[in-house]
Amino acid sequence: MARNAPSVDAYGDGGFRLSGARHEGSVLIVQDQARPWSVRSLAELTPESLAEVIALGPREVEFVLLGVGLTNAQPPRPVREALARAGIGLEFMDTATAARTYNLLTAEGRRLAAALIAI
C-alpha cells in the first residue's frame, strides 16, 4: 500500500515543520495524517489522550512512537498499561530523537502512530 505520511522536517520553537508546513504545538500522526495534539508535557499524557490510537488496535498501529519532550522519561503507568491491554507497543524517547526515528520507520513502511510533544 502506498504511503503518504508526512515527514518531520524540523522541530523546536514550540512546534514542528511537517512536509514543509509549520504546526504549532504537539502533534499526533495516525494513519499518515497529522493533527494537533493537546498534550503539552509528559505529566498531561493520559490513556484518553491516545484514545484514537488505542481504538484502532494492533492491526492498524503496531506501536506508538512517543516523543516525551526535551529529556527522555518513562510515560505514566496508566498509559503504558492501556497500550499493552490494546496490544499496541510503545517506544518512547526525547522528542528530537523520536522525530528523526519517525522518518526512518515510516520510510520502512512500519505501521506506527507518532505522538510528539512539542519542545
N, C-alpha and C. Protein backbone atom coordinates (compact mmCIF):
# COMPACT_ATOMS: atom_id res chain seq x y z
N MET A 1 0.83 -1.18 0.00
CA MET A 1 0.00 0.00 0.00
C MET A 1 0.88 1.24 0.00
N ALA A 2 0.57 2.19 -0.87
CA ALA A 2 1.35 3.42 -0.95
C ALA A 2 1.11 4.26 0.30
N ARG A 3 2.17 4.85 0.78
CA ARG A 3 2.07 5.70 1.97
C ARG A 3 2.21 7.15 1.56
N ASN A 4 1.48 7.99 2.24
CA ASN A 4 1.60 9.42 2.05
C ASN A 4 1.79 10.07 3.41
N ALA A 5 2.72 9.52 4.19
CA ALA A 5 2.95 10.01 5.54
C ALA A 5 3.71 11.33 5.50
N PRO A 6 3.35 12.25 6.40
CA PRO A 6 4.12 13.49 6.46
C PRO A 6 5.52 13.21 6.99
N SER A 7 6.48 13.99 6.54
CA SER A 7 7.83 13.88 7.08
C SER A 7 8.00 14.96 8.14
N VAL A 8 8.79 14.66 9.16
CA VAL A 8 9.13 15.66 10.17
C VAL A 8 10.41 16.33 9.68
N ASP A 9 10.26 17.54 9.16
CA ASP A 9 11.39 18.28 8.59
C ASP A 9 12.17 19.04 9.65
N ALA A 10 11.48 19.50 10.69
CA ALA A 10 12.13 20.27 11.74
C ALA A 10 11.26 20.22 12.99
N TYR A 11 11.88 20.53 14.12
CA TYR A 11 11.17 20.54 15.40
C TYR A 11 11.82 21.58 16.28
N GLY A 12 11.08 22.08 17.24
CA GLY A 12 11.59 23.08 18.17
C GLY A 12 10.76 24.35 18.09
N ASP A 13 11.09 25.29 18.93
CA ASP A 13 10.38 26.57 18.98
C ASP A 13 8.88 26.35 19.17
N GLY A 14 8.54 25.30 19.94
CA GLY A 14 7.14 25.06 20.28
C GLY A 14 6.30 24.38 19.22
N GLY A 15 6.93 23.76 18.22
CA GLY A 15 6.15 23.09 17.19
C GLY A 15 7.01 22.26 16.26
N PHE A 16 6.45 22.00 15.08
CA PHE A 16 7.10 21.12 14.10
C PHE A 16 6.89 21.67 12.70
N ARG A 17 7.78 21.30 11.79
CA ARG A 17 7.53 21.50 10.37
C ARG A 17 7.35 20.12 9.77
N LEU A 18 6.14 19.86 9.28
CA LEU A 18 5.79 18.56 8.71
C LEU A 18 5.57 18.74 7.21
N SER A 19 6.37 18.05 6.42
CA SER A 19 6.28 18.14 4.95
C SER A 19 6.20 19.59 4.50
N GLY A 20 7.02 20.43 5.13
CA GLY A 20 7.14 21.82 4.72
C GLY A 20 6.19 22.78 5.39
N ALA A 21 5.18 22.30 6.13
CA ALA A 21 4.18 23.18 6.75
C ALA A 21 4.41 23.24 8.26
N ARG A 22 4.37 24.44 8.81
CA ARG A 22 4.56 24.63 10.25
C ARG A 22 3.31 24.23 11.02
N HIS A 23 3.50 23.47 12.10
CA HIS A 23 2.43 23.06 13.01
C HIS A 23 2.82 23.54 14.40
N GLU A 24 2.02 24.40 14.98
CA GLU A 24 2.28 24.89 16.34
C GLU A 24 1.85 23.82 17.34
N GLY A 25 2.63 23.66 18.38
CA GLY A 25 2.28 22.75 19.46
C GLY A 25 2.58 21.30 19.12
N SER A 26 2.12 20.42 19.99
CA SER A 26 2.35 18.98 19.85
C SER A 26 1.52 18.43 18.70
N VAL A 27 1.98 17.30 18.14
CA VAL A 27 1.26 16.68 17.03
C VAL A 27 1.09 15.18 17.26
N LEU A 28 -0.01 14.68 16.71
CA LEU A 28 -0.31 13.26 16.71
C LEU A 28 -0.42 12.85 15.25
N ILE A 29 0.37 11.87 14.84
CA ILE A 29 0.33 11.39 13.45
C ILE A 29 -0.20 9.96 13.50
N VAL A 30 -1.40 9.79 12.94
CA VAL A 30 -2.06 8.48 12.94
C VAL A 30 -2.56 8.21 11.54
N GLN A 31 -2.31 7.01 11.04
CA GLN A 31 -2.73 6.61 9.69
C GLN A 31 -2.30 7.66 8.66
N ASP A 32 -1.05 8.11 8.80
CA ASP A 32 -0.41 9.05 7.87
C ASP A 32 -1.08 10.42 7.85
N GLN A 33 -1.85 10.76 8.88
CA GLN A 33 -2.48 12.08 9.00
C GLN A 33 -1.98 12.76 10.27
N ALA A 34 -1.51 13.98 10.11
CA ALA A 34 -1.05 14.76 11.28
C ALA A 34 -2.17 15.66 11.75
N ARG A 35 -2.30 15.76 13.07
CA ARG A 35 -3.30 16.65 13.63
C ARG A 35 -2.74 17.25 14.92
N PRO A 36 -3.29 18.41 15.32
CA PRO A 36 -2.87 18.99 16.60
C PRO A 36 -3.18 18.02 17.74
N TRP A 37 -2.33 18.04 18.74
CA TRP A 37 -2.48 17.16 19.90
C TRP A 37 -2.36 18.02 21.15
N SER A 38 -3.30 17.92 22.04
CA SER A 38 -3.39 18.84 23.18
C SER A 38 -2.35 18.61 24.27
N VAL A 39 -1.63 17.50 24.23
CA VAL A 39 -0.66 17.18 25.28
C VAL A 39 0.55 18.10 25.16
N ARG A 40 0.86 18.83 26.25
CA ARG A 40 1.99 19.75 26.22
C ARG A 40 3.17 19.27 27.06
N SER A 41 2.95 18.25 27.89
CA SER A 41 4.03 17.72 28.72
C SER A 41 3.69 16.27 29.06
N LEU A 42 4.71 15.54 29.47
CA LEU A 42 4.51 14.13 29.83
C LEU A 42 3.51 14.00 30.97
N ALA A 43 3.48 14.98 31.88
CA ALA A 43 2.55 14.95 33.01
C ALA A 43 1.09 14.99 32.54
N GLU A 44 0.84 15.56 31.36
CA GLU A 44 -0.53 15.66 30.83
C GLU A 44 -0.96 14.41 30.06
N LEU A 45 -0.04 13.49 29.82
CA LEU A 45 -0.34 12.32 28.99
C LEU A 45 -1.23 11.34 29.76
N THR A 46 -2.36 10.98 29.15
CA THR A 46 -3.31 10.04 29.76
C THR A 46 -3.72 9.02 28.69
N PRO A 47 -4.30 7.91 29.11
CA PRO A 47 -4.84 6.98 28.10
C PRO A 47 -5.85 7.68 27.18
N GLU A 48 -6.63 8.61 27.71
CA GLU A 48 -7.62 9.31 26.90
C GLU A 48 -6.97 10.13 25.79
N SER A 49 -5.77 10.67 26.06
CA SER A 49 -5.11 11.48 25.03
C SER A 49 -4.62 10.62 23.86
N LEU A 50 -4.60 9.30 24.06
CA LEU A 50 -4.23 8.36 22.99
C LEU A 50 -5.41 7.47 22.59
N ALA A 51 -6.62 7.88 22.96
CA ALA A 51 -7.81 7.06 22.72
C ALA A 51 -7.98 6.71 21.24
N GLU A 52 -7.70 7.66 20.36
CA GLU A 52 -7.84 7.42 18.92
C GLU A 52 -6.92 6.29 18.47
N VAL A 53 -5.71 6.29 18.96
CA VAL A 53 -4.74 5.25 18.61
C VAL A 53 -5.17 3.91 19.18
N ILE A 54 -5.56 3.91 20.45
CA ILE A 54 -5.97 2.68 21.13
C ILE A 54 -7.18 2.06 20.42
N ALA A 55 -8.11 2.90 19.97
CA ALA A 55 -9.30 2.41 19.29
C ALA A 55 -8.97 1.70 17.98
N LEU A 56 -7.91 2.10 17.32
CA LEU A 56 -7.54 1.46 16.04
C LEU A 56 -7.03 0.04 16.25
N GLY A 57 -6.34 -0.18 17.36
CA GLY A 57 -5.85 -1.52 17.66
C GLY A 57 -4.61 -1.91 16.89
N PRO A 58 -4.07 -3.09 17.21
CA PRO A 58 -2.77 -3.50 16.67
C PRO A 58 -2.78 -3.84 15.17
N ARG A 59 -3.94 -4.05 14.58
CA ARG A 59 -3.96 -4.31 13.12
C ARG A 59 -3.60 -3.06 12.34
N GLU A 60 -3.93 -1.89 12.91
CA GLU A 60 -3.65 -0.61 12.24
C GLU A 60 -2.39 0.06 12.77
N VAL A 61 -2.09 -0.15 14.05
CA VAL A 61 -0.95 0.52 14.69
C VAL A 61 -0.13 -0.52 15.44
N GLU A 62 1.09 -0.79 14.94
CA GLU A 62 1.99 -1.73 15.62
C GLU A 62 2.42 -1.18 16.97
N PHE A 63 2.79 0.11 16.97
CA PHE A 63 3.27 0.74 18.19
C PHE A 63 3.15 2.24 18.09
N VAL A 64 3.21 2.87 19.26
CA VAL A 64 3.23 4.32 19.35
C VAL A 64 4.67 4.75 19.57
N LEU A 65 5.13 5.66 18.75
CA LEU A 65 6.43 6.29 18.94
C LEU A 65 6.15 7.60 19.66
N LEU A 66 6.53 7.66 20.92
CA LEU A 66 6.19 8.79 21.77
C LEU A 66 7.42 9.66 22.00
N GLY A 67 7.32 10.91 21.58
CA GLY A 67 8.35 11.91 21.88
C GLY A 67 7.93 12.62 23.15
N VAL A 68 8.67 12.41 24.24
CA VAL A 68 8.22 12.82 25.57
C VAL A 68 8.64 14.23 25.97
N GLY A 69 9.33 14.96 25.11
CA GLY A 69 9.77 16.31 25.44
C GLY A 69 11.28 16.43 25.33
N LEU A 70 11.86 17.35 26.08
CA LEU A 70 13.29 17.62 25.98
C LEU A 70 14.17 16.47 26.43
N THR A 71 13.77 15.78 27.50
CA THR A 71 14.59 14.68 28.02
C THR A 71 13.74 13.43 28.14
N ASN A 72 14.37 12.30 27.90
CA ASN A 72 13.66 11.03 27.94
C ASN A 72 13.19 10.73 29.36
N ALA A 73 11.97 10.25 29.47
CA ALA A 73 11.40 9.85 30.75
C ALA A 73 10.30 8.84 30.47
N GLN A 74 10.05 7.98 31.43
CA GLN A 74 9.05 6.94 31.25
C GLN A 74 7.64 7.53 31.29
N PRO A 75 6.78 7.16 30.35
CA PRO A 75 5.39 7.62 30.37
C PRO A 75 4.65 7.10 31.59
N PRO A 76 3.57 7.77 31.97
CA PRO A 76 2.79 7.32 33.13
C PRO A 76 2.30 5.88 32.99
N ARG A 77 2.27 5.18 34.11
CA ARG A 77 1.86 3.77 34.12
C ARG A 77 0.50 3.54 33.46
N PRO A 78 -0.54 4.36 33.72
CA PRO A 78 -1.84 4.10 33.07
C PRO A 78 -1.75 4.11 31.54
N VAL A 79 -0.89 4.93 30.99
CA VAL A 79 -0.71 4.97 29.54
C VAL A 79 -0.05 3.69 29.06
N ARG A 80 1.02 3.28 29.73
CA ARG A 80 1.71 2.04 29.36
C ARG A 80 0.76 0.84 29.44
N GLU A 81 -0.04 0.79 30.50
CA GLU A 81 -0.95 -0.34 30.69
C GLU A 81 -2.07 -0.34 29.66
N ALA A 82 -2.61 0.83 29.33
CA ALA A 82 -3.70 0.92 28.34
C ALA A 82 -3.21 0.45 26.97
N LEU A 83 -2.02 0.86 26.58
CA LEU A 83 -1.48 0.42 25.29
C LEU A 83 -1.22 -1.08 25.30
N ALA A 84 -0.68 -1.60 26.39
CA ALA A 84 -0.42 -3.04 26.49
C ALA A 84 -1.72 -3.83 26.39
N ARG A 85 -2.76 -3.38 27.09
CA ARG A 85 -4.06 -4.08 27.01
C ARG A 85 -4.60 -4.07 25.59
N ALA A 86 -4.33 -3.01 24.84
CA ALA A 86 -4.82 -2.89 23.46
C ALA A 86 -3.95 -3.68 22.48
N GLY A 87 -2.82 -4.20 22.95
CA GLY A 87 -1.92 -4.94 22.07
C GLY A 87 -1.06 -4.05 21.19
N ILE A 88 -0.88 -2.80 21.61
CA ILE A 88 -0.09 -1.83 20.86
C ILE A 88 1.21 -1.57 21.62
N GLY A 89 2.31 -1.67 20.92
CA GLY A 89 3.61 -1.44 21.53
C GLY A 89 3.84 0.03 21.82
N LEU A 90 4.87 0.31 22.61
CA LEU A 90 5.23 1.68 22.97
C LEU A 90 6.73 1.83 22.93
N GLU A 91 7.18 2.80 22.18
CA GLU A 91 8.59 3.20 22.19
C GLU A 91 8.61 4.66 22.57
N PHE A 92 9.39 5.02 23.58
CA PHE A 92 9.43 6.43 24.00
C PHE A 92 10.87 6.90 24.06
N MET A 93 11.04 8.17 23.73
CA MET A 93 12.36 8.79 23.70
C MET A 93 12.14 10.30 23.68
N ASP A 94 13.23 11.06 23.85
CA ASP A 94 13.07 12.51 23.77
C ASP A 94 12.52 12.87 22.39
N THR A 95 11.86 14.01 22.30
CA THR A 95 11.15 14.39 21.08
C THR A 95 12.09 14.50 19.89
N ALA A 96 13.28 15.05 20.07
CA ALA A 96 14.22 15.20 18.96
C ALA A 96 14.56 13.84 18.35
N THR A 97 14.87 12.86 19.19
CA THR A 97 15.19 11.52 18.71
C THR A 97 13.96 10.87 18.08
N ALA A 98 12.80 11.07 18.69
CA ALA A 98 11.56 10.49 18.15
C ALA A 98 11.25 11.05 16.76
N ALA A 99 11.48 12.32 16.55
CA ALA A 99 11.21 12.93 15.24
C ALA A 99 12.09 12.31 14.16
N ARG A 100 13.36 12.13 14.47
CA ARG A 100 14.27 11.51 13.50
C ARG A 100 13.91 10.04 13.27
N THR A 101 13.58 9.33 14.35
CA THR A 101 13.24 7.91 14.25
C THR A 101 11.95 7.71 13.46
N TYR A 102 10.99 8.60 13.66
CA TYR A 102 9.73 8.52 12.92
C TYR A 102 9.98 8.50 11.41
N ASN A 103 10.83 9.40 10.93
CA ASN A 103 11.10 9.45 9.49
C ASN A 103 11.69 8.14 8.99
N LEU A 104 12.61 7.56 9.74
CA LEU A 104 13.24 6.29 9.34
C LEU A 104 12.22 5.15 9.32
N LEU A 105 11.43 5.05 10.38
CA LEU A 105 10.47 3.94 10.47
C LEU A 105 9.35 4.07 9.44
N THR A 106 8.93 5.29 9.17
CA THR A 106 7.90 5.50 8.15
C THR A 106 8.43 5.10 6.78
N ALA A 107 9.69 5.45 6.51
CA ALA A 107 10.30 5.07 5.23
C ALA A 107 10.36 3.55 5.08
N GLU A 108 10.47 2.85 6.20
CA GLU A 108 10.48 1.38 6.18
C GLU A 108 9.09 0.79 6.04
N GLY A 109 8.06 1.64 6.09
CA GLY A 109 6.69 1.16 5.94
C GLY A 109 6.06 0.64 7.21
N ARG A 110 6.65 0.97 8.36
CA ARG A 110 6.09 0.49 9.63
C ARG A 110 4.75 1.17 9.91
N ARG A 111 3.84 0.42 10.52
CA ARG A 111 2.52 0.94 10.89
C ARG A 111 2.61 1.49 12.31
N LEU A 112 2.95 2.76 12.40
CA LEU A 112 3.11 3.34 13.72
C LEU A 112 2.30 4.62 13.82
N ALA A 113 2.04 4.99 15.05
CA ALA A 113 1.49 6.31 15.35
C ALA A 113 2.61 7.08 16.04
N ALA A 114 2.71 8.35 15.73
CA ALA A 114 3.69 9.21 16.39
C ALA A 114 2.96 10.22 17.25
N ALA A 115 3.31 10.28 18.50
CA ALA A 115 2.75 11.26 19.43
C ALA A 115 3.94 12.09 19.92
N LEU A 116 4.03 13.31 19.40
CA LEU A 116 5.23 14.12 19.61
C LEU A 116 4.89 15.37 20.41
N ILE A 117 5.45 15.44 21.63
CA ILE A 117 5.27 16.61 22.48
C ILE A 117 6.23 17.70 22.01
N ALA A 118 5.69 18.87 21.73
CA ALA A 118 6.50 19.97 21.21
C ALA A 118 7.56 20.39 22.22
N ILE A 119 8.72 20.80 21.69
CA ILE A 119 9.81 21.32 22.52
C ILE A 119 10.19 22.72 22.03
